[in-house]
C-alpha cells in the first residue's frame, strides 16, 4: 500500500508539472500532496511496528513485576509514613 501511495504521489506531481490547464495542475498537486502524506504515514507506521515490543508479557515477566511491586514485609512500614503537616 505504501508503494502504491508513493507511486500515486509521484504520478500526481508529474501530472502537475506537465499539465497546461489550471484545473489539471490543481488536481495533480492535490493528488500528490494527499498521496504523499499517506505514503509518509504508511512508512512511519512500518517503522514504529518494526521497533515496538509486543504488548503481551510472559508469565515469568508478570511474576517478576509482581514481586518487584510487592513490599518486602508488612511490619517494616508499620507506623512509618509522612509526618503530619504543620499548621500555618
PDB file of N, CA and C in Angstrom:
ATOM      1  N   UNK A   1       0.817  -1.185   0.000  1.00  0.00           N
ATOM      2  CA  UNK A   1       0.000   0.000   0.000  1.00  0.00           C
ATOM      3  C   UNK A   1       0.866   1.257   0.000  1.00  0.00           C
ATOM      4  N   UNK A   2       1.965   1.202   0.778  1.00  0.00           N
ATOM      5  CA  UNK A   2       2.804   2.403   0.845  1.00  0.00           C
ATOM      6  C   UNK A   2       3.473   2.687  -0.484  1.00  0.00           C
ATOM      7  N   UNK A   3       3.805   1.647  -1.241  1.00  0.00           N
ATOM      8  CA  UNK A   3       4.440   1.876  -2.543  1.00  0.00           C
ATOM      9  C   UNK A   3       3.428   2.377  -3.562  1.00  0.00           C
ATOM     10  N   UNK A   4       2.185   1.934  -3.447  1.00  0.00           N
ATOM     11  CA  UNK A   4       1.138   2.434  -4.340  1.00  0.00           C
ATOM     12  C   UNK A   4       0.896   3.917  -4.067  1.00  0.00           C
ATOM     13  N   UNK A   5       0.859   4.300  -2.792  1.00  0.00           N
ATOM     14  CA  UNK A   5       0.687   5.706  -2.448  1.00  0.00           C
ATOM     15  C   UNK A   5       1.876   6.551  -2.915  1.00  0.00           C
ATOM     16  N   UNK A   6       3.072   6.008  -2.798  1.00  0.00           N
ATOM     17  CA  UNK A   6       4.250   6.726  -3.278  1.00  0.00           C
ATOM     18  C   UNK A   6       4.191   6.921  -4.782  1.00  0.00           C
ATOM     19  N   UNK A   7       3.821   5.869  -5.496  1.00  0.00           N
ATOM     20  CA  UNK A   7       3.714   5.975  -6.953  1.00  0.00           C
ATOM     21  C   UNK A   7       2.607   6.948  -7.358  1.00  0.00           C
ATOM     22  N   UNK A   8       1.486   6.919  -6.642  1.00  0.00           N
ATOM     23  CA  UNK A   8       0.393   7.842  -6.943  1.00  0.00           C
ATOM     24  C   UNK A   8       0.803   9.288  -6.670  1.00  0.00           C
ATOM     25  N   UNK A   9       1.583   9.509  -5.611  1.00  0.00           N
ATOM     26  CA  UNK A   9       2.063  10.858  -5.322  1.00  0.00           C
ATOM     27  C   UNK A   9       3.000  11.345  -6.421  1.00  0.00           C
ATOM     28  N   UNK A  10       3.895  10.487  -6.864  1.00  0.00           N
ATOM     29  CA  UNK A  10       4.796  10.875  -7.949  1.00  0.00           C
ATOM     30  C   UNK A  10       4.031  11.128  -9.244  1.00  0.00           C
ATOM     31  N   UNK A  11       3.038  10.300  -9.510  1.00  0.00           N
ATOM     32  CA  UNK A  11       2.219  10.500 -10.697  1.00  0.00           C
ATOM     33  C   UNK A  11       1.435  11.814 -10.617  1.00  0.00           C
ATOM     34  N   UNK A  12       0.917  12.127  -9.432  1.00  0.00           N
ATOM     35  CA  UNK A  12       0.201  13.383  -9.252  1.00  0.00           C
ATOM     36  C   UNK A  12       1.100  14.590  -9.493  1.00  0.00           C
ATOM     37  N   UNK A  13       2.311  14.556  -8.960  1.00  0.00           N
ATOM     38  CA  UNK A  13       3.238  15.659  -9.193  1.00  0.00           C
ATOM     39  C   UNK A  13       3.683  15.722 -10.652  1.00  0.00           C
ATOM     40  N   UNK A  14       3.805  14.564 -11.293  1.00  0.00           N
ATOM     41  CA  UNK A  14       4.153  14.544 -12.719  1.00  0.00           C
ATOM     42  C   UNK A  14       3.034  15.167 -13.547  1.00  0.00           C
ATOM     43  N   UNK A  15       1.799  14.854 -13.208  1.00  0.00           N
ATOM     44  CA  UNK A  15       0.655  15.464 -13.896  1.00  0.00           C
ATOM     45  C   UNK A  15       0.667  16.980 -13.697  1.00  0.00           C
ATOM     46  N   UNK A  16       0.981  17.420 -12.480  1.00  0.00           N
ATOM     47  CA  UNK A  16       1.006  18.856 -12.203  1.00  0.00           C
ATOM     48  C   UNK A  16       2.113  19.560 -12.987  1.00  0.00           C
ATOM     49  N   UNK A  17       3.232  18.892 -13.185  1.00  0.00           N
ATOM     50  CA  UNK A  17       4.360  19.518 -13.882  1.00  0.00           C
ATOM     51  C   UNK A  17       4.092  19.632 -15.381  1.00  0.00           C
ATOM     52  N   UNK A  18       3.521  18.590 -15.984  1.00  0.00           N
ATOM     53  CA  UNK A  18       3.366  18.586 -17.440  1.00  0.00           C
ATOM     54  C   UNK A  18       2.024  19.138 -17.913  1.00  0.00           C
ATOM     55  N   UNK A  19       1.142  19.505 -16.974  1.00  0.00           N
ATOM     56  CA  UNK A  19      -0.183  19.970 -17.401  1.00  0.00           C
ATOM     57  C   UNK A  19      -0.118  21.407 -17.901  1.00  0.00           C
ATOM     58  N   UNK A  20      -1.077  21.744 -18.761  1.00  0.00           N
ATOM     59  CA  UNK A  20      -1.184  23.104 -19.286  1.00  0.00           C
ATOM     60  C   UNK A  20      -2.437  23.808 -18.787  1.00  0.00           C
ATOM     61  N   UNK A  21      -3.319  23.081 -18.126  1.00  0.00           N
ATOM     62  CA  UNK A  21      -4.552  23.705 -17.630  1.00  0.00           C
ATOM     63  C   UNK A  21      -4.466  23.865 -16.113  1.00  0.00           C
ATOM     64  N   UNK A  22      -5.050  24.926 -15.577  1.00  0.00           N
ATOM     65  CA  UNK A  22      -5.000  25.138 -14.127  1.00  0.00           C
ATOM     66  C   UNK A  22      -5.757  24.066 -13.345  1.00  0.00           C
ATOM     67  N   UNK A  23      -6.825  23.538 -13.905  1.00  0.00           N
ATOM     68  CA  UNK A  23      -7.582  22.502 -13.211  1.00  0.00           C
ATOM     69  C   UNK A  23      -6.782  21.229 -13.050  1.00  0.00           C
ATOM     70  N   UNK A  24      -6.097  20.828 -14.110  1.00  0.00           N
ATOM     71  CA  UNK A  24      -5.276  19.622 -14.053  1.00  0.00           C
ATOM     72  C   UNK A  24      -4.066  19.835 -13.141  1.00  0.00           C
ATOM     73  N   UNK A  25      -3.533  21.047 -13.141  1.00  0.00           N
ATOM     74  CA  UNK A  25      -2.418  21.364 -12.252  1.00  0.00           C
ATOM     75  C   UNK A  25      -2.858  21.257 -10.791  1.00  0.00           C
ATOM     76  N   UNK A  26      -4.010  21.821 -10.464  1.00  0.00           N
ATOM     77  CA  UNK A  26      -4.519  21.732  -9.101  1.00  0.00           C
ATOM     78  C   UNK A  26      -4.824  20.310  -8.689  1.00  0.00           C
ATOM     79  N   UNK A  27      -5.416  19.545  -9.609  1.00  0.00           N
ATOM     80  CA  UNK A  27      -5.704  18.137  -9.331  1.00  0.00           C
ATOM     81  C   UNK A  27      -4.416  17.365  -9.064  1.00  0.00           C
ATOM     82  N   UNK A  28      -3.407  17.597  -9.877  1.00  0.00           N
ATOM     83  CA  UNK A  28      -2.134  16.895  -9.698  1.00  0.00           C
ATOM     84  C   UNK A  28      -1.465  17.244  -8.383  1.00  0.00           C
ATOM     85  N   UNK A  29      -1.521  18.522  -8.011  1.00  0.00           N
ATOM     86  CA  UNK A  29      -0.918  18.934  -6.745  1.00  0.00           C
ATOM     87  C   UNK A  29      -1.660  18.313  -5.571  1.00  0.00           C
ATOM     88  N   UNK A  30      -2.993  18.323  -5.615  1.00  0.00           N
ATOM     89  CA  UNK A  30      -3.767  17.729  -4.521  1.00  0.00           C
ATOM     90  C   UNK A  30      -3.521  16.223  -4.405  1.00  0.00           C
ATOM     91  N   UNK A  31      -3.524  15.539  -5.541  1.00  0.00           N
ATOM     92  CA  UNK A  31      -3.254  14.095  -5.519  1.00  0.00           C
ATOM     93  C   UNK A  31      -1.850  13.836  -4.972  1.00  0.00           C
ATOM     94  N   UNK A  32      -0.888  14.639  -5.427  1.00  0.00           N
ATOM     95  CA  UNK A  32       0.486  14.465  -4.955  1.00  0.00           C
ATOM     96  C   UNK A  32       0.625  14.698  -3.461  1.00  0.00           C
ATOM     97  N   UNK A  33      -0.034  15.744  -2.956  1.00  0.00           N
ATOM     98  CA  UNK A  33       0.077  16.039  -1.525  1.00  0.00           C
ATOM     99  C   UNK A  33      -0.621  14.986  -0.668  1.00  0.00           C
ATOM    100  N   UNK A  34      -1.860  14.643  -1.033  1.00  0.00           N
ATOM    101  CA  UNK A  34      -2.585  13.674  -0.220  1.00  0.00           C
ATOM    102  C   UNK A  34      -1.933  12.293  -0.261  1.00  0.00           C
ATOM    103  N   UNK A  35      -1.535  11.862  -1.423  1.00  0.00           N
ATOM    104  CA  UNK A  35      -0.894  10.548  -1.514  1.00  0.00           C
ATOM    105  C   UNK A  35       0.496  10.572  -0.878  1.00  0.00           C
ATOM    106  N   UNK A  36       1.180  11.709  -0.972  1.00  0.00           N
ATOM    107  CA  UNK A  36       2.479  11.827  -0.311  1.00  0.00           C
ATOM    108  C   UNK A  36       2.358  11.752   1.201  1.00  0.00           C
ATOM    109  N   UNK A  37       1.339  12.419   1.761  1.00  0.00           N
ATOM    110  CA  UNK A  37       1.106  12.322   3.203  1.00  0.00           C
ATOM    111  C   UNK A  37       0.731  10.899   3.613  1.00  0.00           C
ATOM    112  N   UNK A  38      -0.114  10.276   2.813  1.00  0.00           N
ATOM    113  CA  UNK A  38      -0.491   8.895   3.112  1.00  0.00           C
ATOM    114  C   UNK A  38       0.702   7.960   3.062  1.00  0.00           C
ATOM    115  N   UNK A  39       1.570   8.139   2.076  1.00  0.00           N
ATOM    116  CA  UNK A  39       2.767   7.302   1.975  1.00  0.00           C
ATOM    117  C   UNK A  39       3.711   7.555   3.149  1.00  0.00           C
ATOM    118  N   UNK A  40       3.848   8.823   3.535  1.00  0.00           N
ATOM    119  CA  UNK A  40       4.716   9.129   4.678  1.00  0.00           C
ATOM    120  C   UNK A  40       4.186   8.470   5.945  1.00  0.00           C
ATOM    121  N   UNK A  41       2.870   8.560   6.175  1.00  0.00           N
ATOM    122  CA  UNK A  41       2.297   7.915   7.354  1.00  0.00           C
ATOM    123  C   UNK A  41       2.431   6.394   7.284  1.00  0.00           C
ATOM    124  N   UNK A  42       2.340   5.816   6.105  1.00  0.00           N
ATOM    125  CA  UNK A  42       2.495   4.366   5.964  1.00  0.00           C
ATOM    126  C   UNK A  42       3.926   3.943   6.284  1.00  0.00           C
ATOM    127  N   UNK A  43       4.915   4.707   5.829  1.00  0.00           N
ATOM    128  CA  UNK A  43       6.309   4.384   6.144  1.00  0.00           C
ATOM    129  C   UNK A  43       6.603   4.600   7.628  1.00  0.00           C
ATOM    130  N   UNK A  44       6.015   5.627   8.232  1.00  0.00           N
ATOM    131  CA  UNK A  44       6.195   5.859   9.670  1.00  0.00           C
ATOM    132  C   UNK A  44       5.583   4.717  10.466  1.00  0.00           C
ATOM    133  N   UNK A  45       4.399   4.260  10.060  1.00  0.00           N
ATOM    134  CA  UNK A  45       3.746   3.143  10.734  1.00  0.00           C
ATOM    135  C   UNK A  45       4.592   1.875  10.635  1.00  0.00           C
ATOM    136  N   UNK A  46       5.183   1.645   9.489  1.00  0.00           N
ATOM    137  CA  UNK A  46       6.042   0.472   9.308  1.00  0.00           C
ATOM    138  C   UNK A  46       7.234   0.536  10.252  1.00  0.00           C
ATOM    139  N   UNK A  47       7.840   1.705  10.398  1.00  0.00           N
ATOM    140  CA  UNK A  47       8.991   1.856  11.274  1.00  0.00           C
ATOM    141  C   UNK A  47       8.608   1.681  12.739  1.00  0.00           C
ATOM    142  N   UNK A  48       7.450   2.206  13.123  1.00  0.00           N
ATOM    143  CA  UNK A  48       7.002   2.060  14.509  1.00  0.00           C
ATOM    144  C   UNK A  48       6.712   0.601  14.821  1.00  0.00           C
ATOM    145  N   UNK A  49       6.069  -0.106  13.918  1.00  0.00           N
ATOM    146  CA  UNK A  49       5.775  -1.519  14.152  1.00  0.00           C
ATOM    147  C   UNK A  49       7.046  -2.361  14.210  1.00  0.00           C
ATOM    148  N   UNK A  50       8.061  -1.981  13.448  1.00  0.00           N
ATOM    149  CA  UNK A  50       9.296  -2.748  13.440  1.00  0.00           C
ATOM    150  C   UNK A  50      10.082  -2.569  14.736  1.00  0.00           C
ATOM    151  N   UNK A  51       9.945  -1.421  15.387  1.00  0.00           N
ATOM    152  CA  UNK A  51      10.755  -1.155  16.574  1.00  0.00           C
ATOM    153  C   UNK A  51       9.996  -1.293  17.880  1.00  0.00           C
ATOM    154  N   UNK A  52       8.707  -1.642  17.835  1.00  0.00           N
ATOM    155  CA  UNK A  52       7.938  -1.726  19.075  1.00  0.00           C
ATOM    156  C   UNK A  52       7.979  -3.145  19.640  1.00  0.00           C
ATOM    157  N   UNK A  53       7.749  -3.211  20.939  1.00  0.00           N
ATOM    158  CA  UNK A  53       7.705  -4.505  21.611  1.00  0.00           C
ATOM    159  C   UNK A  53       6.297  -5.084  21.528  1.00  0.00           C
ATOM    160  N   UNK A  54       6.208  -6.339  21.811  1.00  0.00           N
ATOM    161  CA  UNK A  54       4.902  -6.976  21.894  1.00  0.00           C
ATOM    162  C   UNK A  54       4.173  -6.471  23.135  1.00  0.00           C
ATOM    163  N   UNK A  55       2.856  -6.405  23.066  1.00  0.00           N
ATOM    164  CA  UNK A  55       2.082  -5.917  24.200  1.00  0.00           C
ATOM    165  C   UNK A  55       1.871  -6.987  25.270  1.00  0.00           C
ATOM    166  N   UNK A  56       2.169  -8.212  24.959  1.00  0.00           N
ATOM    167  CA  UNK A  56       1.920  -9.294  25.881  1.00  0.00           C
ATOM    168  C   UNK A  56       3.213  -9.694  26.579  1.00  0.00           C
ATOM    169  N   UNK A  57       3.084 -10.006  27.870  1.00  0.00           N
ATOM    170  CA  UNK A  57       4.237 -10.423  28.651  1.00  0.00           C
ATOM    171  C   UNK A  57       4.110 -11.899  28.981  1.00  0.00           C
ATOM    172  N   UNK A  58       5.245 -12.518  29.146  1.00  0.00           N
ATOM    173  CA  UNK A  58       5.243 -13.922  29.533  1.00  0.00           C
ATOM    174  C   UNK A  58       4.891 -14.029  31.015  1.00  0.00           C
ATOM    175  N   UNK A  59       4.462 -15.202  31.457  1.00  0.00           N
ATOM    176  CA  UNK A  59       4.139 -15.359  32.885  1.00  0.00           C
ATOM    177  C   UNK A  59       5.340 -15.063  33.792  1.00  0.00           C
ATOM    178  N   UNK A  60       6.544 -15.366  33.337  1.00  0.00           N
ATOM    179  CA  UNK A  60       7.735 -15.065  34.133  1.00  0.00           C
ATOM    180  C   UNK A  60       7.935 -13.572  34.309  1.00  0.00           C
ATOM    181  N   UNK A  61       7.686 -12.814  33.250  1.00  0.00           N
ATOM    182  CA  UNK A  61       7.815 -11.358  33.343  1.00  0.00           C
ATOM    183  C   UNK A  61       6.751 -10.778  34.278  1.00  0.00           C
ATOM    184  N   UNK A  62       5.523 -11.296  34.204  1.00  0.00           N
ATOM    185  CA  UNK A  62       4.466 -10.827  35.096  1.00  0.00           C
ATOM    186  C   UNK A  62       4.791 -11.134  36.555  1.00  0.00           C
ATOM    187  N   UNK A  63       5.340 -12.331  36.823  1.00  0.00           N
ATOM    188  CA  UNK A  63       5.714 -12.679  38.198  1.00  0.00           C
ATOM    189  C   UNK A  63       6.833 -11.784  38.709  1.00  0.00           C
ATOM    190  N   UNK A  64       7.793 -11.458  37.850  1.00  0.00           N
ATOM    191  CA  UNK A  64       8.889 -10.578  38.257  1.00  0.00           C
ATOM    192  C   UNK A  64       8.377  -9.177  38.584  1.00  0.00           C
ATOM    193  N   UNK A  65       7.423  -8.678  37.821  1.00  0.00           N
ATOM    194  CA  UNK A  65       6.854  -7.357  38.096  1.00  0.00           C
ATOM    195  C   UNK A  65       6.060  -7.388  39.398  1.00  0.00           C
ATOM    196  N   UNK A  66       5.279  -8.449  39.614  1.00  0.00           N
ATOM    197  CA  UNK A  66       4.514  -8.561  40.857  1.00  0.00           C
ATOM    198  C   UNK A  66       5.437  -8.638  42.066  1.00  0.00           C
ATOM    199  N   UNK A  67       6.545  -9.368  41.936  1.00  0.00           N
ATOM    200  CA  UNK A  67       7.494  -9.476  43.045  1.00  0.00           C
ATOM    201  C   UNK A  67       8.166  -8.141  43.313  1.00  0.00           C
ATOM    202  N   UNK A  68       8.441  -7.374  42.289  1.00  0.00           N
ATOM    203  CA  UNK A  68       9.086  -6.079  42.479  1.00  0.00           C
ATOM    204  C   UNK A  68       8.133  -5.069  43.102  1.00  0.00           C
ATOM    205  N   UNK A  69       6.855  -5.178  42.840  1.00  0.00           N
ATOM    206  CA  UNK A  69       5.880  -4.231  43.382  1.00  0.00           C
ATOM    207  C   UNK A  69       5.416  -4.602  44.787  1.00  0.00           C
ATOM    208  N   UNK A  70       5.562  -5.871  45.157  1.00  0.00           N
ATOM    209  CA  UNK A  70       5.114  -6.328  46.467  1.00  0.00           C
ATOM    210  C   UNK A  70       6.125  -5.859  47.521  1.00  0.00           C
ATOM    211  N   UNK A  71       5.657  -5.295  48.639  1.00  0.00           N
ATOM    212  CA  UNK A  71       6.596  -4.870  49.689  1.00  0.00           C
ATOM    213  C   UNK A  71       7.278  -6.081  50.315  1.00  0.00           C
ATOM    214  N   UNK A  72       8.485  -5.881  50.836  1.00  0.00           N
ATOM    215  CA  UNK A  72       9.272  -6.988  51.390  1.00  0.00           C
ATOM    216  C   UNK A  72       8.560  -7.608  52.584  1.00  0.00           C
ATOM    217  N   UNK A  73       8.160  -6.811  53.539  1.00  0.00           N
ATOM    218  CA  UNK A  73       7.371  -7.326  54.660  1.00  0.00           C
ATOM    219  C   UNK A  73       6.466  -6.200  55.145  1.00  0.00           C
ATOM    220  N   UNK A  74       5.345  -6.567  55.698  1.00  0.00           N
ATOM    221  CA  UNK A  74       4.361  -5.554  56.071  1.00  0.00           C
ATOM    222  C   UNK A  74       4.712  -4.849  57.373  1.00  0.00           C
ATOM    223  N   UNK A  75       5.527  -5.483  58.279  1.00  0.00           N
ATOM    224  CA  UNK A  75       5.812  -4.869  59.573  1.00  0.00           C
ATOM    225  C   UNK A  75       6.921  -3.822  59.487  1.00  0.00           C
ATOM    226  N   UNK A  76       7.684  -3.748  58.429  1.00  0.00           N
ATOM    227  CA  UNK A  76       8.747  -2.742  58.331  1.00  0.00           C
ATOM    228  C   UNK A  76       8.173  -1.361  58.078  1.00  0.00           C
ATOM    229  N   UNK A  77       7.015  -1.280  57.493  1.00  0.00           N
ATOM    230  CA  UNK A  77       6.414   0.016  57.199  1.00  0.00           C
ATOM    231  C   UNK A  77       5.344   0.408  58.203  1.00  0.00           C
ATOM    232  N   UNK A  78       5.116  -0.419  59.253  1.00  0.00           N
ATOM    233  CA  UNK A  78       4.059  -0.089  60.206  1.00  0.00           C
ATOM    234  C   UNK A  78       4.498   1.107  61.044  1.00  0.00           C
ATOM    235  N   UNK A  79       3.632   2.066  61.130  1.00  0.00           N
ATOM    236  CA  UNK A  79       3.932   3.256  61.895  1.00  0.00           C
ATOM    237  C   UNK A  79       4.808   4.257  61.141  1.00  0.00           C
ATOM    238  N   UNK A  80       5.261   3.916  60.011  1.00  0.00           N
ATOM    239  CA  UNK A  80       6.083   4.844  59.235  1.00  0.00           C
ATOM    240  C   UNK A  80       5.235   5.466  58.147  1.00  0.00           C
ATOM    241  N   UNK A  81       5.503   6.666  57.879  1.00  0.00           N
ATOM    242  CA  UNK A  81       4.784   7.380  56.842  1.00  0.00           C
ATOM    243  C   UNK A  81       5.207   8.828  56.878  1.00  0.00           C
ATOM    244  N   UNK A  82       4.467   9.620  56.256  1.00  0.00           N
ATOM    245  CA  UNK A  82       4.767  11.033  56.237  1.00  0.00           C
ATOM    246  C   UNK A  82       4.367  11.665  57.561  1.00  0.00           C
ATOM    247  N   UNK A  83       5.132  12.617  58.032  1.00  0.00           N
ATOM    248  CA  UNK A  83       4.729  13.298  59.283  1.00  0.00           C
ATOM    249  C   UNK A  83       3.509  14.155  59.017  1.00  0.00           C
ATOM    250  N   UNK A  84       2.761  14.473  60.051  1.00  0.00           N
ATOM    251  CA  UNK A  84       1.579  15.309  59.845  1.00  0.00           C
ATOM    252  C   UNK A  84       2.008  16.709  59.408  1.00  0.00           C
ATOM    253  N   UNK A  85       1.178  17.371  58.657  1.00  0.00           N
ATOM    254  CA  UNK A  85       1.547  18.712  58.200  1.00  0.00           C
ATOM    255  C   UNK A  85       1.540  19.703  59.370  1.00  0.00           C
ATOM    256  N   UNK A  86       2.418  20.671  59.278  1.00  0.00           N
ATOM    257  CA  UNK A  86       2.475  21.691  60.340  1.00  0.00           C
ATOM    258  C   UNK A  86       1.418  22.745  60.043  1.00  0.00           C
ATOM    259  N   UNK A  87       0.664  23.155  61.067  1.00  0.00           N
ATOM    260  CA  UNK A  87      -0.362  24.189  60.843  1.00  0.00           C
ATOM    261  C   UNK A  87       0.290  25.532  60.561  1.00  0.00           C
ATOM    262  N   UNK A  88      -0.357  26.303  59.747  1.00  0.00           N
ATOM    263  CA  UNK A  88       0.193  27.619  59.391  1.00  0.00           C
ATOM    264  C   UNK A  88      -0.708  28.728  59.828  1.00  0.00           C
TER     265      UNK A  88
END
